[in-house]
Structures are given as structure tokens and as C-alpha cells.
Amino acid sequence: MVTIETARQLALSLSGTDEYAHFDKQAFRANGRIFATLWEPEQRMMVKLSLIDQSVFSAFNPAIIYPVPNKWGLQGCTFFELKEVREDMLLDALTTAWQAVMAKKSTQKSQPK
């Protein structure tokens, strides 16, 4: 079981990550891109994975880790049920999502020199 606070700390432990309000959720962003959101009342976390990574994580237990049930799920957004998921598995997924956003070009505009 992972608590909301533990999930938050796992996300924030990744270098360059900040937390901010995104609509009615807390979002975690690095390199100008969201890679996870907390769904506090539902006790779950959405992690933005590639479709391949989504299928790998979901294969562990599709009752605990599964695509978000709408168009976002088709883009890799994956729910992790915090009451059931192991902490090391959530950290692995968060790290995978964080690495993907860090590999993309920064969305921040460069300043003229």
C-alpha cells in the first residue's frame, strides 16, 4: 500500500520535478511536461507512460494498474491504485515516465544571448 503522501514524495524525489495544481488534481512536472497526477479522493495516481510501458505495467495486475478509461488511456495515461500497488513498482513507473519527459526537448523558450 502507498499513501498519498508517499506517492507525492516518490514523484518529488525525481530531479527537477515540481508539484502544482492542475484543474482539481495535483500534478508533477519535469522539463515543462506533466508525467503524473494525484487523484486523492480516489486514492490513485495517474502516470503517463508509453503504450508499451503501459502494457508491461498493466500485465502485472490489471485490477491495480490499468489504462485510464477514455482517450487519455489510449495515449498511455495509466492509473495505479495506491491502496494495492507496491511502492517499488510505483517508483519504477514514475521513474520511467520522468525519464521520458526529461528525454524530450525542453518546452521552455530559450533566452536570447
PDB file of N, CA and C in Angstrom:
ATOM      1  N   MET A   1       0.839  -1.192   0.000  1.00  0.00           N
ATOM      2  CA  MET A   1       0.000   0.000   0.000  1.00  0.00           C
ATOM      3  C   MET A   1       0.879   1.249   0.000  1.00  0.00           C
ATOM      4  N   VAL A   2       0.467   2.239  -0.771  1.00  0.00           N
ATOM      5  CA  VAL A   2       1.182   3.512  -0.855  1.00  0.00           C
ATOM      6  C   VAL A   2       0.210   4.607  -0.429  1.00  0.00           C
ATOM      7  N   THR A   3       0.628   5.452   0.480  1.00  0.00           N
ATOM      8  CA  THR A   3      -0.211   6.580   0.895  1.00  0.00           C
ATOM      9  C   THR A   3      -0.087   7.718  -0.116  1.00  0.00           C
ATOM     10  N   ILE A   4      -1.021   8.645  -0.056  1.00  0.00           N
ATOM     11  CA  ILE A   4      -0.959   9.842  -0.912  1.00  0.00           C
ATOM     12  C   ILE A   4       0.355  10.573  -0.676  1.00  0.00           C
ATOM     13  N   GLU A   5       0.747  10.727   0.581  1.00  0.00           N
ATOM     14  CA  GLU A   5       1.977  11.458   0.896  1.00  0.00           C
ATOM     15  C   GLU A   5       3.208  10.724   0.365  1.00  0.00           C
ATOM     16  N   THR A   6       3.225   9.407   0.457  1.00  0.00           N
ATOM     17  CA  THR A   6       4.347   8.642  -0.084  1.00  0.00           C
ATOM     18  C   THR A   6       4.405   8.787  -1.600  1.00  0.00           C
ATOM     19  N   ALA A   7       3.267   8.706  -2.267  1.00  0.00           N
ATOM     20  CA  ALA A   7       3.222   8.877  -3.723  1.00  0.00           C
ATOM     21  C   ALA A   7       3.764  10.255  -4.106  1.00  0.00           C
ATOM     22  N   ARG A   8       3.363  11.269  -3.357  1.00  0.00           N
ATOM     23  CA  ARG A   8       3.847  12.634  -3.598  1.00  0.00           C
ATOM     24  C   ARG A   8       5.369  12.688  -3.446  1.00  0.00           C
ATOM     25  N   GLN A   9       5.883  12.122  -2.370  1.00  0.00           N
ATOM     26  CA  GLN A   9       7.322  12.167  -2.115  1.00  0.00           C
ATOM     27  C   GLN A   9       8.105  11.381  -3.162  1.00  0.00           C
ATOM     28  N   LEU A  10       7.550  10.258  -3.631  1.00  0.00           N
ATOM     29  CA  LEU A  10       8.223   9.494  -4.691  1.00  0.00           C
ATOM     30  C   LEU A  10       8.359  10.340  -5.953  1.00  0.00           C
ATOM     31  N   ALA A  11       7.274  11.011  -6.333  1.00  0.00           N
ATOM     32  CA  ALA A  11       7.322  11.852  -7.536  1.00  0.00           C
ATOM     33  C   ALA A  11       8.303  13.005  -7.355  1.00  0.00           C
ATOM     34  N   LEU A  12       8.258  13.643  -6.194  1.00  0.00           N
ATOM     35  CA  LEU A  12       9.127  14.803  -5.955  1.00  0.00           C
ATOM     36  C   LEU A  12      10.590  14.405  -5.763  1.00  0.00           C
ATOM     37  N   SER A  13      10.861  13.123  -5.539  1.00  0.00           N
ATOM     38  CA  SER A  13      12.246  12.678  -5.371  1.00  0.00           C
ATOM     39  C   SER A  13      13.008  12.659  -6.695  1.00  0.00           C
ATOM     40  N   LEU A  14      12.290  12.779  -7.797  1.00  0.00           N
ATOM     41  CA  LEU A  14      12.926  12.764  -9.118  1.00  0.00           C
ATOM     42  C   LEU A  14      13.409  14.171  -9.454  1.00  0.00           C
ATOM     43  N   SER A  15      14.652  14.287  -9.815  1.00  0.00           N
ATOM     44  CA  SER A  15      15.317  15.570 -10.023  1.00  0.00           C
ATOM     45  C   SER A  15      14.547  16.494 -10.973  1.00  0.00           C
ATOM     46  N   GLY A  16      14.412  17.745 -10.555  1.00  0.00           N
ATOM     47  CA  GLY A  16      13.786  18.749 -11.406  1.00  0.00           C
ATOM     48  C   GLY A  16      12.269  18.691 -11.429  1.00  0.00           C
ATOM     49  N   THR A  17      11.671  17.921 -10.536  1.00  0.00           N
ATOM     50  CA  THR A  17      10.217  17.779 -10.505  1.00  0.00           C
ATOM     51  C   THR A  17       9.605  18.835  -9.602  1.00  0.00           C
ATOM     52  N   ASP A  18       8.529  19.444 -10.079  1.00  0.00           N
ATOM     53  CA  ASP A  18       7.760  20.342  -9.221  1.00  0.00           C
ATOM     54  C   ASP A  18       6.305  19.892  -9.215  1.00  0.00           C
ATOM     55  N   GLU A  19       5.606  20.305  -8.170  1.00  0.00           N
ATOM     56  CA  GLU A  19       4.199  19.962  -7.981  1.00  0.00           C
ATOM     57  C   GLU A  19       3.378  21.239  -8.100  1.00  0.00           C
ATOM     58  N   TYR A  20       2.250  21.134  -8.774  1.00  0.00           N
ATOM     59  CA  TYR A  20       1.371  22.294  -8.884  1.00  0.00           C
ATOM     60  C   TYR A  20      -0.055  21.818  -9.101  1.00  0.00           C
ATOM     61  N   ALA A  21      -1.005  22.717  -8.859  1.00  0.00           N
ATOM     62  CA  ALA A  21      -2.411  22.398  -9.065  1.00  0.00           C
ATOM     63  C   ALA A  21      -2.722  22.413 -10.556  1.00  0.00           C
ATOM     64  N   HIS A  22      -3.350  21.346 -11.019  1.00  0.00           N
ATOM     65  CA  HIS A  22      -3.736  21.211 -12.426  1.00  0.00           C
ATOM     66  C   HIS A  22      -5.206  20.826 -12.417  1.00  0.00           C
ATOM     67  N   PHE A  23      -6.064  21.801 -12.700  1.00  0.00           N
ATOM     68  CA  PHE A  23      -7.501  21.636 -12.537  1.00  0.00           C
ATOM     69  C   PHE A  23      -7.764  21.237 -11.092  1.00  0.00           C
ATOM     70  N   ASP A  24      -8.377  20.101 -10.824  1.00  0.00           N
ATOM     71  CA  ASP A  24      -8.668  19.725  -9.435  1.00  0.00           C
ATOM     72  C   ASP A  24      -7.719  18.644  -8.924  1.00  0.00           C
ATOM     73  N   LYS A  25      -6.571  18.480  -9.562  1.00  0.00           N
ATOM     74  CA  LYS A  25      -5.581  17.460  -9.194  1.00  0.00           C
ATOM     75  C   LYS A  25      -4.237  18.121  -8.907  1.00  0.00           C
ATOM     76  N   GLN A  26      -3.401  17.411  -8.184  1.00  0.00           N
ATOM     77  CA  GLN A  26      -2.017  17.825  -8.018  1.00  0.00           C
ATOM     78  C   GLN A  26      -1.216  17.128  -9.116  1.00  0.00           C
ATOM     79  N   ALA A  27      -0.460  17.905  -9.866  1.00  0.00           N
ATOM     80  CA  ALA A  27       0.310  17.370 -10.991  1.00  0.00           C
ATOM     81  C   ALA A  27       1.800  17.476 -10.693  1.00  0.00           C
ATOM     82  N   PHE A  28       2.552  16.578 -11.302  1.00  0.00           N
ATOM     83  CA  PHE A  28       4.007  16.555 -11.165  1.00  0.00           C
ATOM     84  C   PHE A  28       4.600  16.735 -12.551  1.00  0.00           C
ATOM     85  N   ARG A  29       5.505  17.706 -12.632  1.00  0.00           N
ATOM     86  CA  ARG A  29       6.035  18.119 -13.928  1.00  0.00           C
ATOM     87  C   ARG A  29       7.557  18.208 -13.838  1.00  0.00           C
ATOM     88  N   ALA A  30       8.184  17.813 -14.932  1.00  0.00           N
ATOM     89  CA  ALA A  30       9.627  17.993 -15.098  1.00  0.00           C
ATOM     90  C   ALA A  30       9.845  18.375 -16.551  1.00  0.00           C
ATOM     91  N   ASN A  31      10.835  19.206 -16.794  1.00  0.00           N
ATOM     92  CA  ASN A  31      11.142  19.643 -18.156  1.00  0.00           C
ATOM     93  C   ASN A  31       9.914  20.263 -18.826  1.00  0.00           C
ATOM     94  N   GLY A  32       9.052  20.899 -18.018  1.00  0.00           N
ATOM     95  CA  GLY A  32       7.876  21.574 -18.548  1.00  0.00           C
ATOM     96  C   GLY A  32       6.734  20.654 -18.935  1.00  0.00           C
ATOM     97  N   ARG A  33       6.807  19.361 -18.592  1.00  0.00           N
ATOM     98  CA  ARG A  33       5.778  18.396 -19.000  1.00  0.00           C
ATOM     99  C   ARG A  33       5.268  17.600 -17.795  1.00  0.00           C
ATOM    100  N   ILE A  34       3.962  17.384 -17.778  1.00  0.00           N
ATOM    101  CA  ILE A  34       3.353  16.572 -16.733  1.00  0.00           C
ATOM    102  C   ILE A  34       3.681  15.099 -16.978  1.00  0.00           C
ATOM    103  N   PHE A  35       4.083  14.408 -15.911  1.00  0.00           N
ATOM    104  CA  PHE A  35       4.295  12.963 -16.029  1.00  0.00           C
ATOM    105  C   PHE A  35       3.443  12.167 -15.038  1.00  0.00           C
ATOM    106  N   ALA A  36       2.766  12.856 -14.108  1.00  0.00           N
ATOM    107  CA  ALA A  36       1.896  12.151 -13.162  1.00  0.00           C
ATOM    108  C   ALA A  36       0.929  13.137 -12.512  1.00  0.00           C
ATOM    109  N   THR A  37      -0.226  12.620 -12.090  1.00  0.00           N
ATOM    110  CA  THR A  37      -1.186  13.408 -11.309  1.00  0.00           C
ATOM    111  C   THR A  37      -1.706  12.540 -10.175  1.00  0.00           C
ATOM    112  N   LEU A  38      -2.030  13.198  -9.064  1.00  0.00           N
ATOM    113  CA  LEU A  38      -2.614  12.510  -7.911  1.00  0.00           C
ATOM    114  C   LEU A  38      -4.121  12.684  -7.921  1.00  0.00           C
ATOM    115  N   TRP A  39      -4.827  11.603  -7.758  1.00  0.00           N
ATOM    116  CA  TRP A  39      -6.281  11.588  -7.646  1.00  0.00           C
ATOM    117  C   TRP A  39      -6.590  11.240  -6.197  1.00  0.00           C
ATOM    118  N   GLU A  40      -6.506  12.235  -5.325  1.00  0.00           N
ATOM    119  CA  GLU A  40      -6.553  11.993  -3.888  1.00  0.00           C
ATOM    120  C   GLU A  40      -7.833  11.326  -3.396  1.00  0.00           C
ATOM    121  N   PRO A  41      -9.034  11.817  -3.725  1.00  0.00           N
ATOM    122  CA  PRO A  41     -10.229  11.154  -3.185  1.00  0.00           C
ATOM    123  C   PRO A  41     -10.340   9.687  -3.629  1.00  0.00           C
ATOM    124  N   GLU A  42      -9.849   9.392  -4.826  1.00  0.00           N
ATOM    125  CA  GLU A  42      -9.938   8.033  -5.380  1.00  0.00           C
ATOM    126  C   GLU A  42      -8.782   7.150  -4.924  1.00  0.00           C
ATOM    127  N   GLN A  43      -7.791   7.735  -4.245  1.00  0.00           N
ATOM    128  CA  GLN A  43      -6.604   7.011  -3.790  1.00  0.00           C
ATOM    129  C   GLN A  43      -5.875   6.338  -4.961  1.00  0.00           C
ATOM    130  N   ARG A  44      -5.659   7.136  -6.036  1.00  0.00           N
ATOM    131  CA  ARG A  44      -4.916   6.603  -7.173  1.00  0.00           C
ATOM    132  C   ARG A  44      -4.007   7.676  -7.743  1.00  0.00           C
ATOM    133  N   MET A  45      -3.072   7.214  -8.559  1.00  0.00           N
ATOM    134  CA  MET A  45      -2.160   8.122  -9.238  1.00  0.00           C
ATOM    135  C   MET A  45      -2.178   7.771 -10.713  1.00  0.00           C
ATOM    136  N   MET A  46      -2.205   8.803 -11.546  1.00  0.00           N
ATOM    137  CA  MET A  46      -2.099   8.607 -12.984  1.00  0.00           C
ATOM    138  C   MET A  46      -0.644   8.863 -13.343  1.00  0.00           C
ATOM    139  N   VAL A  47      -0.064   7.917 -14.087  1.00  0.00           N
ATOM    140  CA  VAL A  47       1.306   8.046 -14.564  1.00  0.00           C
ATOM    141  C   VAL A  47       1.266   7.973 -16.079  1.00  0.00           C
ATOM    142  N   LYS A  48       1.916   8.925 -16.745  1.00  0.00           N
ATOM    143  CA  LYS A  48       1.922   8.999 -18.206  1.00  0.00           C
ATOM    144  C   LYS A  48       3.059   8.141 -18.745  1.00  0.00           C
ATOM    145  N   LEU A  49       2.692   6.995 -19.332  1.00  0.00           N
ATOM    146  CA  LEU A  49       3.661   6.041 -19.857  1.00  0.00           C
ATOM    147  C   LEU A  49       3.535   5.927 -21.370  1.00  0.00           C
ATOM    148  N   SER A  50       4.520   5.330 -21.997  1.00  0.00           N
ATOM    149  CA  SER A  50       4.354   4.958 -23.403  1.00  0.00           C
ATOM    150  C   SER A  50       3.353   3.810 -23.431  1.00  0.00           C
ATOM    151  N   LEU A  51       2.774   3.535 -24.592  1.00  0.00           N
ATOM    152  CA  LEU A  51       1.820   2.434 -24.690  1.00  0.00           C
ATOM    153  C   LEU A  51       2.477   1.093 -24.380  1.00  0.00           C
ATOM    154  N   ILE A  52       3.728   0.934 -24.762  1.00  0.00           N
ATOM    155  CA  ILE A  52       4.443  -0.312 -24.453  1.00  0.00           C
ATOM    156  C   ILE A  52       4.637  -0.454 -22.949  1.00  0.00           C
ATOM    157  N   ASP A  53       5.114   0.626 -22.298  1.00  0.00           N
ATOM    158  CA  ASP A  53       5.304   0.572 -20.853  1.00  0.00           C
ATOM    159  C   ASP A  53       3.975   0.376 -20.136  1.00  0.00           C
ATOM    160  N   GLN A  54       2.921   0.996 -20.638  1.00  0.00           N
ATOM    161  CA  GLN A  54       1.591   0.821 -20.050  1.00  0.00           C
ATOM    162  C   GLN A  54       1.199  -0.652 -20.067  1.00  0.00           C
ATOM    163  N   SER A  55       1.426  -1.329 -21.195  1.00  0.00           N
ATOM    164  CA  SER A  55       1.041  -2.739 -21.282  1.00  0.00           C
ATOM    165  C   SER A  55       1.899  -3.609 -20.365  1.00  0.00           C
ATOM    166  N   VAL A  56       3.169  -3.277 -20.221  1.00  0.00           N
ATOM    167  CA  VAL A  56       4.061  -4.040 -19.340  1.00  0.00           C
ATOM    168  C   VAL A  56       3.616  -3.895 -17.890  1.00  0.00           C
ATOM    169  N   PHE A  57       3.391  -2.666 -17.431  1.00  0.00           N
ATOM    170  CA  PHE A  57       2.967  -2.458 -16.040  1.00  0.00           C
ATOM    171  C   PHE A  57       1.579  -3.053 -15.794  1.00  0.00           C
ATOM    172  N   SER A  58       0.667  -2.879 -16.739  1.00  0.00           N
ATOM    173  CA  SER A  58      -0.698  -3.404 -16.581  1.00  0.00           C
ATOM    174  C   SER A  58      -0.712  -4.926 -16.520  1.00  0.00           C
ATOM    175  N   ALA A  59       0.239  -5.570 -17.167  1.00  0.00           N
ATOM    176  CA  ALA A  59       0.294  -7.030 -17.163  1.00  0.00           C
ATOM    177  C   ALA A  59       0.532  -7.585 -15.760  1.00  0.00           C
ATOM    178  N   PHE A  60       1.132  -6.789 -14.884  1.00  0.00           N
ATOM    179  CA  PHE A  60       1.371  -7.237 -13.518  1.00  0.00           C
ATOM    180  C   PHE A  60       0.061  -7.594 -12.826  1.00  0.00           C
ATOM    181  N   ASN A  61      -0.890  -6.667 -12.881  1.00  0.00           N
ATOM    182  CA  ASN A  61      -2.216  -6.913 -12.309  1.00  0.00           C
ATOM    183  C   ASN A  61      -3.152  -5.829 -12.833  1.00  0.00           C
ATOM    184  N   PRO A  62      -3.974  -6.149 -13.846  1.00  0.00           N
ATOM    185  CA  PRO A  62      -4.845  -5.140 -14.449  1.00  0.00           C
ATOM    186  C   PRO A  62      -5.951  -4.614 -13.531  1.00  0.00           C
ATOM    187  N   ALA A  63      -6.108  -5.179 -12.356  1.00  0.00           N
ATOM    188  CA  ALA A  63      -7.054  -4.632 -11.368  1.00  0.00           C
ATOM    189  C   ALA A  63      -6.409  -3.500 -10.572  1.00  0.00           C
ATOM    190  N   ILE A  64      -5.088  -3.462 -10.570  1.00  0.00           N
ATOM    191  CA  ILE A  64      -4.337  -2.455  -9.805  1.00  0.00           C
ATOM    192  C   ILE A  64      -3.726  -1.398 -10.721  1.00  0.00           C
ATOM    193  N   ILE A  65      -3.281  -1.816 -11.894  1.00  0.00           N
ATOM    194  CA  ILE A  65      -2.616  -0.936 -12.853  1.00  0.00           C
ATOM    195  C   ILE A  65      -3.320  -1.112 -14.192  1.00  0.00           C
ATOM    196  N   TYR A  66      -3.924  -0.014 -14.690  1.00  0.00           N
ATOM    197  CA  TYR A  66      -4.738  -0.128 -15.901  1.00  0.00           C
ATOM    198  C   TYR A  66      -4.831   1.215 -16.618  1.00  0.00           C
ATOM    199  N   PRO A  67      -5.102   1.184 -17.935  1.00  0.00           N
ATOM    200  CA  PRO A  67      -5.233   2.430 -18.692  1.00  0.00           C
ATOM    201  C   PRO A  67      -6.407   3.269 -18.174  1.00  0.00           C
ATOM    202  N   VAL A  68      -6.230   4.574 -18.167  1.00  0.00           N
ATOM    203  CA  VAL A  68      -7.334   5.475 -17.846  1.00  0.00           C
ATOM    204  C   VAL A  68      -8.447   5.185 -18.852  1.00  0.00           C
ATOM    205  N   PRO A  69      -9.682   4.981 -18.380  1.00  0.00           N
ATOM    206  CA  PRO A  69     -10.754   4.535 -19.291  1.00  0.00           C
ATOM    207  C   PRO A  69     -11.363   5.642 -20.154  1.00  0.00           C
ATOM    208  N   ASN A  70     -10.576   6.223 -21.008  1.00  0.00           N
ATOM    209  CA  ASN A  70     -11.057   7.195 -22.004  1.00  0.00           C
ATOM    210  C   ASN A  70      -9.926   7.420 -23.004  1.00  0.00           C
ATOM    211  N   LYS A  71     -10.031   8.479 -23.791  1.00  0.00           N
ATOM    212  CA  LYS A  71      -8.994   8.722 -24.808  1.00  0.00           C
ATOM    213  C   LYS A  71      -7.604   8.891 -24.190  1.00  0.00           C
ATOM    214  N   TRP A  72      -7.514   9.354 -22.955  1.00  0.00           N
ATOM    215  CA  TRP A  72      -6.211   9.524 -22.317  1.00  0.00           C
ATOM    216  C   TRP A  72      -5.525   8.187 -22.114  1.00  0.00           C
ATOM    217  N   GLY A  73      -6.292   7.151 -21.811  1.00  0.00           N
ATOM    218  CA  GLY A  73      -5.724   5.821 -21.662  1.00  0.00           C
ATOM    219  C   GLY A  73      -5.090   5.321 -22.947  1.00  0.00           C
ATOM    220  N   LEU A  74      -5.653   5.727 -24.078  1.00  0.00           N
ATOM    221  CA  LEU A  74      -5.107   5.338 -25.378  1.00  0.00           C
ATOM    222  C   LEU A  74      -3.808   6.077 -25.695  1.00  0.00           C
ATOM    223  N   GLN A  75      -3.485   7.075 -24.871  1.00  0.00           N
ATOM    224  CA  GLN A  75      -2.255   7.844 -25.044  1.00  0.00           C
ATOM    225  C   GLN A  75      -1.220   7.505 -23.965  1.00  0.00           C
ATOM    226  N   GLY A  76      -1.474   6.438 -23.197  1.00  0.00           N
ATOM    227  CA  GLY A  76      -0.510   5.989 -22.206  1.00  0.00           C
ATOM    228  C   GLY A  76      -0.802   6.374 -20.772  1.00  0.00           C
ATOM    229  N   CYS A  77      -1.837   7.180 -20.542  1.00  0.00           N
ATOM    230  CA  CYS A  77      -2.173   7.550 -19.164  1.00  0.00           C
ATOM    231  C   CYS A  77      -2.661   6.300 -18.434  1.00  0.00           C
ATOM    232  N   THR A  78      -2.022   6.016 -17.305  1.00  0.00           N
ATOM    233  CA  THR A  78      -2.226   4.752 -16.612  1.00  0.00           C
ATOM    234  C   THR A  78      -2.517   4.998 -15.140  1.00  0.00           C
ATOM    235  N   PHE A  79      -3.594   4.391 -14.643  1.00  0.00           N
ATOM    236  CA  PHE A  79      -3.933   4.500 -13.225  1.00  0.00           C
ATOM    237  C   PHE A  79      -3.192   3.453 -12.416  1.00  0.00           C
ATOM    238  N   PHE A  80      -2.752   3.854 -11.229  1.00  0.00           N
ATOM    239  CA  PHE A  80      -2.162   2.974 -10.227  1.00  0.00           C
ATOM    240  C   PHE A  80      -2.999   3.123  -8.963  1.00  0.00           C
ATOM    241  N   GLU A  81      -3.612   2.035  -8.530  1.00  0.00           N
ATOM    242  CA  GLU A  81      -4.421   2.042  -7.303  1.00  0.00           C
ATOM    243  C   GLU A  81      -3.470   2.023  -6.109  1.00  0.00           C
ATOM    244  N   LEU A  82      -3.404   3.140  -5.393  1.00  0.00           N
ATOM    245  CA  LEU A  82      -2.417   3.300  -4.330  1.00  0.00           C
ATOM    246  C   LEU A  82      -2.630   2.333  -3.164  1.00  0.00           C
ATOM    247  N   LYS A  83      -3.851   1.943  -2.894  1.00  0.00           N
ATOM    248  CA  LYS A  83      -4.116   1.020  -1.781  1.00  0.00           C
ATOM    249  C   LYS A  83      -3.568  -0.378  -2.049  1.00  0.00           C
ATOM    250  N   GLU A  84      -3.274  -0.682  -3.308  1.00  0.00           N
ATOM    251  CA  GLU A  84      -2.870  -2.035  -3.679  1.00  0.00           C
ATOM    252  C   GLU A  84      -1.465  -2.141  -4.268  1.00  0.00           C
ATOM    253  N   VAL A  85      -0.970  -1.083  -4.887  1.00  0.00           N
ATOM    254  CA  VAL A  85       0.307  -1.171  -5.616  1.00  0.00           C
ATOM    255  C   VAL A  85       1.485  -1.166  -4.641  1.00  0.00           C
ATOM    256  N   ARG A  86       2.532  -1.871  -5.028  1.00  0.00           N
ATOM    257  CA  ARG A  86       3.766  -1.863  -4.237  1.00  0.00           C
ATOM    258  C   ARG A  86       4.513  -0.554  -4.489  1.00  0.00           C
ATOM    259  N   GLU A  87       5.151  -0.044  -3.466  1.00  0.00           N
ATOM    260  CA  GLU A  87       5.884   1.217  -3.563  1.00  0.00           C
ATOM    261  C   GLU A  87       6.982   1.145  -4.613  1.00  0.00           C
ATOM    262  N   ASP A  88       7.732   0.038  -4.674  1.00  0.00           N
ATOM    263  CA  ASP A  88       8.824  -0.061  -5.644  1.00  0.00           C
ATOM    264  C   ASP A  88       8.298  -0.067  -7.077  1.00  0.00           C
ATOM    265  N   MET A  89       7.124  -0.645  -7.296  1.00  0.00           N
ATOM    266  CA  MET A  89       6.547  -0.661  -8.644  1.00  0.00           C
ATOM    267  C   MET A  89       6.095   0.739  -9.056  1.00  0.00           C
ATOM    268  N   LEU A  90       5.484   1.474  -8.131  1.00  0.00           N
ATOM    269  CA  LEU A  90       5.066   2.850  -8.432  1.00  0.00           C
ATOM    270  C   LEU A  90       6.293   3.715  -8.727  1.00  0.00           C
ATOM    271  N   LEU A  91       7.334   3.574  -7.932  1.00  0.00           N
ATOM    272  CA  LEU A  91       8.545   4.354  -8.182  1.00  0.00           C
ATOM    273  C   LEU A  91       9.146   4.002  -9.542  1.00  0.00           C
ATOM    274  N   ASP A  92       9.122   2.733  -9.901  1.00  0.00           N
ATOM    275  CA  ASP A  92       9.637   2.319 -11.213  1.00  0.00           C
ATOM    276  C   ASP A  92       8.834   2.986 -12.332  1.00  0.00           C
ATOM    277  N   ALA A  93       7.513   2.997 -12.201  1.00  0.00           N
ATOM    278  CA  ALA A  93       6.665   3.634 -13.219  1.00  0.00           C
ATOM    279  C   ALA A  93       6.905   5.143 -13.275  1.00  0.00           C
ATOM    280  N   LEU A  94       6.979   5.788 -12.115  1.00  0.00           N
ATOM    281  CA  LEU A  94       7.236   7.228 -12.080  1.00  0.00           C
ATOM    282  C   LEU A  94       8.587   7.554 -12.713  1.00  0.00           C
ATOM    283  N   THR A  95       9.591   6.753 -12.428  1.00  0.00           N
ATOM    284  CA  THR A  95      10.920   6.973 -12.997  1.00  0.00           C
ATOM    285  C   THR A  95      10.888   6.808 -14.511  1.00  0.00           C
ATOM    286  N   THR A  96      10.153   5.809 -14.984  1.00  0.00           N
ATOM    287  CA  THR A  96      10.015   5.590 -16.423  1.00  0.00           C
ATOM    288  C   THR A  96       9.357   6.795 -17.096  1.00  0.00           C
ATOM    289  N   ALA A  97       8.280   7.307 -16.491  1.00  0.00           N
ATOM    290  CA  ALA A  97       7.573   8.471 -17.040  1.00  0.00           C
ATOM    291  C   ALA A  97       8.452   9.717 -16.975  1.00  0.00           C
ATOM    292  N   TRP A  98       9.154   9.894 -15.873  1.00  0.00           N
ATOM    293  CA  TRP A  98      10.050  11.044 -15.699  1.00  0.00           C
ATOM    294  C   TRP A  98      11.170  11.019 -16.742  1.00  0.00           C
ATOM    295  N   GLN A  99      11.758   9.844 -16.972  1.00  0.00           N
ATOM    296  CA  GLN A  99      12.825   9.733 -17.969  1.00  0.00           C
ATOM    297  C   GLN A  99      12.318  10.121 -19.356  1.00  0.00           C
ATOM    298  N   ALA A 100      11.088   9.745 -19.658  1.00  0.00           N
ATOM    299  CA  ALA A 100      10.519  10.083 -20.972  1.00  0.00           C
ATOM    300  C   ALA A 100      10.376  11.591 -21.142  1.00  0.00           C
ATOM    301  N   VAL A 101       9.895  12.292 -20.116  1.00  0.00           N
ATOM    302  CA  VAL A 101       9.745  13.749 -20.265  1.00  0.00           C
ATOM    303  C   VAL A 101      11.099  14.447 -20.240  1.00  0.00           C
ATOM    304  N   MET A 102      12.057  13.889 -19.532  1.00  0.00           N
ATOM    305  CA  MET A 102      13.385  14.504 -19.497  1.00  0.00           C
ATOM    306  C   MET A 102      14.114  14.311 -20.826  1.00  0.00           C
ATOM    307  N   ALA A 103      13.790  13.260 -21.558  1.00  0.00           N
ATOM    308  CA  ALA A 103      14.442  12.985 -22.843  1.00  0.00           C
ATOM    309  C   ALA A 103      13.928  13.907 -23.947  1.00  0.00           C
ATOM    310  N   LYS A 104      12.747  14.491 -23.748  1.00  0.00           N
ATOM    311  CA  LYS A 104      12.190  15.384 -24.770  1.00  0.00           C
ATOM    312  C   LYS A 104      12.828  16.755 -24.646  1.00  0.00           C
ATOM    313  N   LYS A 105      12.855  17.472 -25.766  1.00  0.00           N
ATOM    314  CA  LYS A 105      13.382  18.833 -25.726  1.00  0.00           C
ATOM    315  C   LYS A 105      12.582  19.651 -24.733  1.00  0.00           C
ATOM    316  N   SER A 106      13.258  20.530 -24.062  1.00  0.00           N
ATOM    317  CA  SER A 106      12.602  21.392 -23.086  1.00  0.00           C
ATOM    318  C   SER A 106      11.540  22.231 -23.766  1.00  0.00           C
ATOM    319  N   THR A 107      10.402  22.388 -23.079  1.00  0.00           N
ATOM    320  CA  THR A 107       9.323  23.212 -23.627  1.00  0.00           C
ATOM    321  C   THR A 107       9.520  24.689 -23.268  1.00  0.00           C
ATOM    322  N   GLN A 108      10.521  24.959 -22.463  1.00  0.00           N
ATOM    323  CA  GLN A 108      10.770  26.339 -22.070  1.00  0.00           C
ATOM    324  C   GLN A 108      11.539  27.039 -23.190  1.00  0.00           C
ATOM    325  N   LYS A 109      11.136  28.259 -23.472  1.00  0.00           N
ATOM    326  CA  LYS A 109      11.815  29.034 -24.514  1.00  0.00           C
ATOM    327  C   LYS A 109      13.191  29.452 -24.045  1.00  0.00           C
ATOM    328  N   SER A 110      14.146  29.338 -24.936  1.00  0.00           N
ATOM    329  CA  SER A 110      15.495  29.774 -24.569  1.00  0.00           C
ATOM    330  C   SER A 110      15.576  31.291 -24.661  1.00  0.00           C
ATOM    331  N   GLN A 111      16.355  31.852 -23.790  1.00  0.00           N
ATOM    332  CA  GLN A 111      16.528  33.288 -23.742  1.00  0.00           C
ATOM    333  C   GLN A 111      17.602  33.719 -24.731  1.00  0.00           C
ATOM    334  N   PRO A 112      17.381  34.806 -25.465  1.00  0.00           N
ATOM    335  CA  PRO A 112      18.417  35.294 -26.390  1.00  0.00           C
ATOM    336  C   PRO A 112      19.652  35.731 -25.604  1.00  0.00           C
ATOM    337  N   LYS A 113      20.804  35.528 -26.208  1.00  0.00           N
ATOM    338  CA  LYS A 113      22.057  35.896 -25.530  1.00  0.00           C
ATOM    339  C   LYS A 113      22.585  37.198 -26.053  1.00  0.00           C
TER     340      LYS A 113
END
